[in-house]
Amino acid sequence: MNADLVPLRAALLPGGTPAAAHAHLARTLARRAERAVVALAETGAIGPAAVPYLNRLSDHLFVLARSLNMGQDSQWEPGGND
């Protein structure tokens, strides 16, 4: 999916189509889970594959959201999106 997308030139604002907005929300939840798992991994209470898996999941959800927006992503502009 990423190969078909225009390279990023700026940060993106979450949203867009309803499906893309849901993918952005799922990415937020995956990132929150990743932070919790990192804390667990420091205690040794979780397997070593969990952190990279959640990281790749959040990456996939970001690319999915961009793909669902079909190139119509909202880019963040300093001082312009307030």
Protein backbone atom coordinates (compact mmCIF):
# COMPACT_ATOMS: atom_id res chain seq x y z
CA MET A 1 0.00 0.00 0.00
CA ASN A 2 2.78 2.43 0.91
CA ALA A 3 4.43 2.10 -2.50
CA ASP A 4 1.32 3.59 -4.15
CA LEU A 5 1.25 6.67 -1.89
CA VAL A 6 2.86 10.05 -2.47
CA PRO A 7 5.86 10.50 -0.13
CA LEU A 8 5.14 12.59 2.95
CA ARG A 9 6.38 16.16 2.99
CA ALA A 10 4.68 17.22 6.25
CA ALA A 11 2.91 15.78 9.27
CA LEU A 12 -0.66 14.68 8.68
CA LEU A 13 -3.78 15.52 10.63
CA PRO A 14 -5.91 12.48 11.49
CA GLY A 15 -9.25 12.25 9.78
CA GLY A 16 -10.47 12.24 6.22
CA THR A 17 -12.94 9.63 5.09
CA PRO A 18 -14.90 7.81 7.81
CA ALA A 19 -12.88 4.63 7.21
CA ALA A 20 -9.58 6.54 7.39
CA ALA A 21 -10.68 8.29 10.58
CA HIS A 22 -11.39 4.88 12.13
CA ALA A 23 -7.95 3.65 11.04
CA HIS A 24 -6.37 6.72 12.69
CA LEU A 25 -8.32 5.97 15.88
CA ALA A 26 -7.19 2.33 15.81
CA ARG A 27 -3.61 3.56 15.37
CA THR A 28 -3.98 5.73 18.46
CA LEU A 29 -5.14 2.71 20.45
CA ALA A 30 -2.27 0.59 19.12
CA ARG A 31 0.24 3.29 20.16
CA ARG A 32 -1.32 3.45 23.65
CA ALA A 33 -1.05 -0.34 23.92
CA GLU A 34 2.56 -0.15 22.74
CA ARG A 35 3.44 2.28 25.54
CA ALA A 36 1.81 -0.02 28.11
CA VAL A 37 3.63 -3.06 26.72
CA VAL A 38 6.98 -1.23 26.81
CA ALA A 39 6.44 -0.70 30.54
CA LEU A 40 5.58 -4.38 30.99
CA ALA A 41 8.59 -5.44 28.92
CA GLU A 42 10.88 -3.57 31.32
CA THR A 43 9.68 -5.91 34.08
CA GLY A 44 10.15 -8.98 31.88
CA ALA A 45 6.44 -9.82 32.13
CA ILE A 46 5.91 -9.91 28.37
CA GLY A 47 7.52 -11.60 25.40
CA PRO A 48 10.06 -9.71 23.28
CA ALA A 49 7.94 -9.79 20.11
CA ALA A 50 5.03 -7.80 21.54
CA VAL A 51 6.62 -4.35 21.29
CA PRO A 52 7.80 -4.64 17.65
CA TYR A 53 4.45 -6.19 16.69
CA LEU A 54 2.46 -3.28 18.11
CA ASN A 55 4.85 -0.80 16.51
CA ARG A 56 4.42 -2.39 13.08
CA LEU A 57 0.64 -2.56 13.63
CA SER A 58 0.49 1.19 14.26
CA ASP A 59 2.65 1.78 11.15
CA HIS A 60 0.29 -0.38 9.10
CA LEU A 61 -2.77 1.47 10.38
CA PHE A 62 -1.17 4.81 9.42
CA VAL A 63 -0.49 3.61 5.88
CA LEU A 64 -4.00 2.12 5.72
CA ALA A 65 -5.51 5.48 6.72
CA ARG A 66 -3.48 7.26 4.05
CA SER A 67 -4.54 4.71 1.48
CA LEU A 68 -8.21 5.04 2.46
CA ASN A 69 -7.94 8.81 2.05
CA MET A 70 -6.79 8.26 -1.54
CA GLY A 71 -4.19 11.03 -1.43
CA GLN A 72 -6.53 13.60 0.12
CA ASP A 73 -4.79 13.75 3.51
CA SER A 74 -4.88 16.98 5.52
CA GLN A 75 -1.33 18.18 6.08
CA TRP A 76 -0.37 20.07 9.22
CA GLU A 77 0.79 23.60 8.53
CA PRO A 78 2.49 25.47 11.39
CA GLY A 79 0.17 28.28 12.42
CA GLY A 80 -2.27 27.40 9.65
CA ASN A 81 -4.45 24.66 11.12
CA ASP A 82 -5.33 26.29 14.45
